[in-house]
Amino acid sequence: MSPNPFIREPVGDFASRLEAMNDDELFSTMSNLERASEAAEDVEEILARIALTETEIERRYPGELLAPYRNWKQRQPML
């Protein structure tokens, strides 16, 4: 099993957890996954989780694609 905390839990549990997160937690998870993908050896697994997170963002903000996430990211200091 990978030491990367973003891919330790089963994908089903991760997807369920995404649904329960508030927007800040969801956006923070997306940001952390993006950073992890740059240094991960398990890039395919990270990219799959990024796709799940993108889907959850798009579900919450229909028709806005990832604009809410990008806006949140711009407001964050030092991300």
N, C-alpha and C. Protein backbone atom coordinates (compact mmCIF):
# COMPACT_ATOMS: atom_id res chain seq x y z
N MET A 1 0.84 -1.18 0.00
CA MET A 1 0.00 0.00 0.00
C MET A 1 0.89 1.25 0.00
N SER A 2 0.44 2.26 -0.67
CA SER A 2 1.22 3.49 -0.81
C SER A 2 1.23 4.29 0.48
N PRO A 3 2.35 4.98 0.77
CA PRO A 3 2.40 5.83 1.95
C PRO A 3 1.66 7.15 1.73
N ASN A 4 1.25 7.45 0.51
CA ASN A 4 0.56 8.70 0.22
C ASN A 4 -0.83 8.69 0.88
N PRO A 5 -1.13 9.66 1.75
CA PRO A 5 -2.40 9.66 2.47
C PRO A 5 -3.61 9.85 1.57
N PHE A 6 -3.42 10.34 0.35
CA PHE A 6 -4.55 10.57 -0.54
C PHE A 6 -5.00 9.32 -1.26
N ILE A 7 -4.22 8.26 -1.18
CA ILE A 7 -4.63 7.03 -1.85
C ILE A 7 -4.64 5.83 -0.91
N ARG A 8 -4.54 6.06 0.37
CA ARG A 8 -4.57 4.96 1.34
C ARG A 8 -5.94 4.33 1.46
N GLU A 9 -6.97 5.16 1.54
CA GLU A 9 -8.30 4.61 1.76
C GLU A 9 -8.90 4.08 0.46
N PRO A 10 -9.78 3.10 0.57
CA PRO A 10 -10.44 2.57 -0.64
C PRO A 10 -11.19 3.68 -1.37
N VAL A 11 -11.24 3.56 -2.68
CA VAL A 11 -11.83 4.61 -3.51
C VAL A 11 -13.30 4.85 -3.15
N GLY A 12 -14.03 3.81 -2.80
CA GLY A 12 -15.44 3.97 -2.42
C GLY A 12 -15.59 4.80 -1.16
N ASP A 13 -14.71 4.57 -0.20
CA ASP A 13 -14.74 5.36 1.04
C ASP A 13 -14.38 6.81 0.75
N PHE A 14 -13.40 7.01 -0.13
CA PHE A 14 -12.99 8.36 -0.51
C PHE A 14 -14.15 9.10 -1.16
N ALA A 15 -14.84 8.45 -2.08
CA ALA A 15 -15.98 9.08 -2.77
C ALA A 15 -17.09 9.43 -1.78
N SER A 16 -17.36 8.55 -0.84
CA SER A 16 -18.38 8.83 0.17
C SER A 16 -17.98 10.00 1.05
N ARG A 17 -16.71 10.06 1.39
CA ARG A 17 -16.22 11.15 2.23
C ARG A 17 -16.32 12.48 1.50
N LEU A 18 -16.06 12.49 0.18
CA LEU A 18 -16.18 13.72 -0.60
C LEU A 18 -17.60 14.30 -0.50
N GLU A 19 -18.60 13.43 -0.59
CA GLU A 19 -19.99 13.87 -0.53
C GLU A 19 -20.32 14.54 0.79
N ALA A 20 -19.67 14.11 1.86
CA ALA A 20 -19.97 14.64 3.19
C ALA A 20 -19.18 15.91 3.53
N MET A 21 -18.19 16.24 2.72
CA MET A 21 -17.34 17.40 3.01
C MET A 21 -18.07 18.71 2.73
N ASN A 22 -17.71 19.75 3.51
CA ASN A 22 -18.19 21.08 3.16
C ASN A 22 -17.31 21.59 2.01
N ASP A 23 -17.68 22.72 1.43
CA ASP A 23 -16.97 23.21 0.25
C ASP A 23 -15.49 23.47 0.52
N ASP A 24 -15.16 24.07 1.66
CA ASP A 24 -13.74 24.33 1.96
C ASP A 24 -12.94 23.04 2.05
N GLU A 25 -13.52 22.03 2.68
CA GLU A 25 -12.83 20.74 2.78
C GLU A 25 -12.65 20.11 1.40
N LEU A 26 -13.69 20.20 0.58
CA LEU A 26 -13.63 19.64 -0.77
C LEU A 26 -12.57 20.34 -1.61
N PHE A 27 -12.56 21.67 -1.56
CA PHE A 27 -11.58 22.43 -2.34
C PHE A 27 -10.17 22.20 -1.83
N SER A 28 -10.02 22.10 -0.53
CA SER A 28 -8.71 21.82 0.06
C SER A 28 -8.21 20.44 -0.37
N THR A 29 -9.11 19.48 -0.41
CA THR A 29 -8.75 18.14 -0.87
C THR A 29 -8.28 18.18 -2.31
N MET A 30 -8.99 18.93 -3.15
CA MET A 30 -8.60 19.05 -4.56
C MET A 30 -7.21 19.67 -4.67
N SER A 31 -6.95 20.72 -3.91
CA SER A 31 -5.65 21.37 -3.94
C SER A 31 -4.54 20.41 -3.50
N ASN A 32 -4.81 19.68 -2.43
CA ASN A 32 -3.83 18.71 -1.94
C ASN A 32 -3.57 17.59 -2.96
N LEU A 33 -4.62 17.14 -3.62
CA LEU A 33 -4.46 16.11 -4.64
C LEU A 33 -3.63 16.63 -5.82
N GLU A 34 -3.87 17.87 -6.21
CA GLU A 34 -3.08 18.46 -7.30
C GLU A 34 -1.60 18.48 -6.95
N ARG A 35 -1.30 18.90 -5.72
CA ARG A 35 0.11 18.93 -5.28
C ARG A 35 0.68 17.51 -5.22
N ALA A 36 -0.11 16.58 -4.72
CA ALA A 36 0.36 15.20 -4.61
C ALA A 36 0.63 14.59 -5.97
N SER A 37 -0.15 14.98 -6.96
CA SER A 37 0.04 14.40 -8.30
C SER A 37 1.37 14.81 -8.91
N GLU A 38 1.90 15.92 -8.49
CA GLU A 38 3.17 16.40 -9.03
C GLU A 38 4.36 15.58 -8.51
N ALA A 39 4.21 14.96 -7.36
CA ALA A 39 5.33 14.25 -6.74
C ALA A 39 5.05 12.76 -6.53
N ALA A 40 3.91 12.29 -6.96
CA ALA A 40 3.51 10.91 -6.64
C ALA A 40 4.09 9.91 -7.61
N GLU A 41 4.35 8.74 -7.07
CA GLU A 41 4.72 7.64 -7.93
C GLU A 41 3.47 6.92 -8.44
N ASP A 42 2.37 7.07 -7.72
CA ASP A 42 1.08 6.46 -8.10
C ASP A 42 0.20 7.51 -8.77
N VAL A 43 0.70 8.12 -9.82
CA VAL A 43 0.01 9.24 -10.46
C VAL A 43 -1.37 8.83 -10.97
N GLU A 44 -1.50 7.64 -11.52
CA GLU A 44 -2.80 7.21 -12.04
C GLU A 44 -3.85 7.17 -10.95
N GLU A 45 -3.49 6.69 -9.79
CA GLU A 45 -4.44 6.62 -8.67
C GLU A 45 -4.81 8.03 -8.21
N ILE A 46 -3.85 8.93 -8.13
CA ILE A 46 -4.12 10.31 -7.74
C ILE A 46 -5.04 10.96 -8.77
N LEU A 47 -4.76 10.76 -10.05
CA LEU A 47 -5.59 11.36 -11.10
C LEU A 47 -7.02 10.84 -11.05
N ALA A 48 -7.20 9.59 -10.69
CA ALA A 48 -8.55 9.04 -10.55
C ALA A 48 -9.29 9.74 -9.41
N ARG A 49 -8.59 10.02 -8.34
CA ARG A 49 -9.22 10.71 -7.20
C ARG A 49 -9.47 12.19 -7.51
N ILE A 50 -8.60 12.78 -8.32
CA ILE A 50 -8.85 14.14 -8.78
C ILE A 50 -10.14 14.17 -9.61
N ALA A 51 -10.31 13.17 -10.47
CA ALA A 51 -11.52 13.10 -11.29
C ALA A 51 -12.77 12.96 -10.42
N LEU A 52 -12.70 12.15 -9.37
CA LEU A 52 -13.83 12.01 -8.45
C LEU A 52 -14.13 13.34 -7.76
N THR A 53 -13.09 14.05 -7.37
CA THR A 53 -13.26 15.34 -6.69
C THR A 53 -13.84 16.36 -7.65
N GLU A 54 -13.36 16.38 -8.89
CA GLU A 54 -13.92 17.28 -9.90
C GLU A 54 -15.40 17.00 -10.12
N THR A 55 -15.76 15.73 -10.16
CA THR A 55 -17.16 15.35 -10.35
C THR A 55 -18.02 15.86 -9.20
N GLU A 56 -17.52 15.76 -7.99
CA GLU A 56 -18.28 16.26 -6.83
C GLU A 56 -18.43 17.77 -6.89
N ILE A 57 -17.39 18.48 -7.29
CA ILE A 57 -17.48 19.94 -7.41
C ILE A 57 -18.52 20.31 -8.48
N GLU A 58 -18.46 19.63 -9.61
CA GLU A 58 -19.41 19.91 -10.69
C GLU A 58 -20.83 19.54 -10.30
N ARG A 59 -21.01 18.52 -9.47
CA ARG A 59 -22.34 18.16 -8.99
C ARG A 59 -22.92 19.27 -8.12
N ARG A 60 -22.07 19.85 -7.28
CA ARG A 60 -22.53 20.92 -6.38
C ARG A 60 -22.75 22.24 -7.11
N TYR A 61 -22.02 22.45 -8.17
CA TYR A 61 -22.09 23.72 -8.92
C TYR A 61 -22.36 23.41 -10.39
N PRO A 62 -23.58 22.99 -10.71
CA PRO A 62 -23.88 22.60 -12.09
C PRO A 62 -23.65 23.76 -13.07
N GLY A 63 -23.04 23.44 -14.17
CA GLY A 63 -22.80 24.41 -15.23
C GLY A 63 -21.65 25.37 -14.98
N GLU A 64 -21.00 25.27 -13.82
CA GLU A 64 -19.90 26.19 -13.51
C GLU A 64 -18.53 25.53 -13.67
N LEU A 65 -18.53 24.27 -14.07
CA LEU A 65 -17.29 23.50 -14.19
C LEU A 65 -16.47 23.63 -12.92
N LEU A 66 -15.24 24.06 -12.99
CA LEU A 66 -14.40 24.17 -11.79
C LEU A 66 -14.21 25.62 -11.36
N ALA A 67 -15.02 26.53 -11.87
CA ALA A 67 -14.87 27.95 -11.53
C ALA A 67 -14.93 28.20 -10.01
N PRO A 68 -15.84 27.57 -9.27
CA PRO A 68 -15.86 27.81 -7.82
C PRO A 68 -14.55 27.40 -7.15
N TYR A 69 -13.96 26.30 -7.61
CA TYR A 69 -12.68 25.86 -7.05
C TYR A 69 -11.57 26.85 -7.41
N ARG A 70 -11.52 27.27 -8.65
CA ARG A 70 -10.48 28.23 -9.06
C ARG A 70 -10.62 29.54 -8.29
N ASN A 71 -11.86 30.00 -8.07
CA ASN A 71 -12.08 31.22 -7.29
C ASN A 71 -11.62 31.04 -5.85
N TRP A 72 -11.94 29.90 -5.27
CA TRP A 72 -11.52 29.59 -3.90
C TRP A 72 -9.99 29.59 -3.82
N LYS A 73 -9.36 28.97 -4.81
CA LYS A 73 -7.90 28.85 -4.81
C LYS A 73 -7.23 30.22 -4.89
N GLN A 74 -7.80 31.13 -5.66
CA GLN A 74 -7.25 32.49 -5.76
C GLN A 74 -7.35 33.24 -4.45
N ARG A 75 -8.35 32.94 -3.65
CA ARG A 75 -8.55 33.63 -2.37
C ARG A 75 -7.67 33.08 -1.26
N GLN A 76 -7.04 31.93 -1.48
CA GLN A 76 -6.24 31.29 -0.44
C GLN A 76 -4.83 31.86 -0.41
N PRO A 77 -4.36 32.21 0.77
CA PRO A 77 -2.98 32.70 0.89
C PRO A 77 -1.99 31.55 0.74
N MET A 78 -0.99 31.78 -0.07
CA MET A 78 0.16 30.87 -0.18
C MET A 78 -0.19 29.44 -0.59
N LEU A 79 -1.13 29.25 -1.49
CA LEU A 79 -1.41 27.87 -1.96
C LEU A 79 -0.58 27.55 -3.13
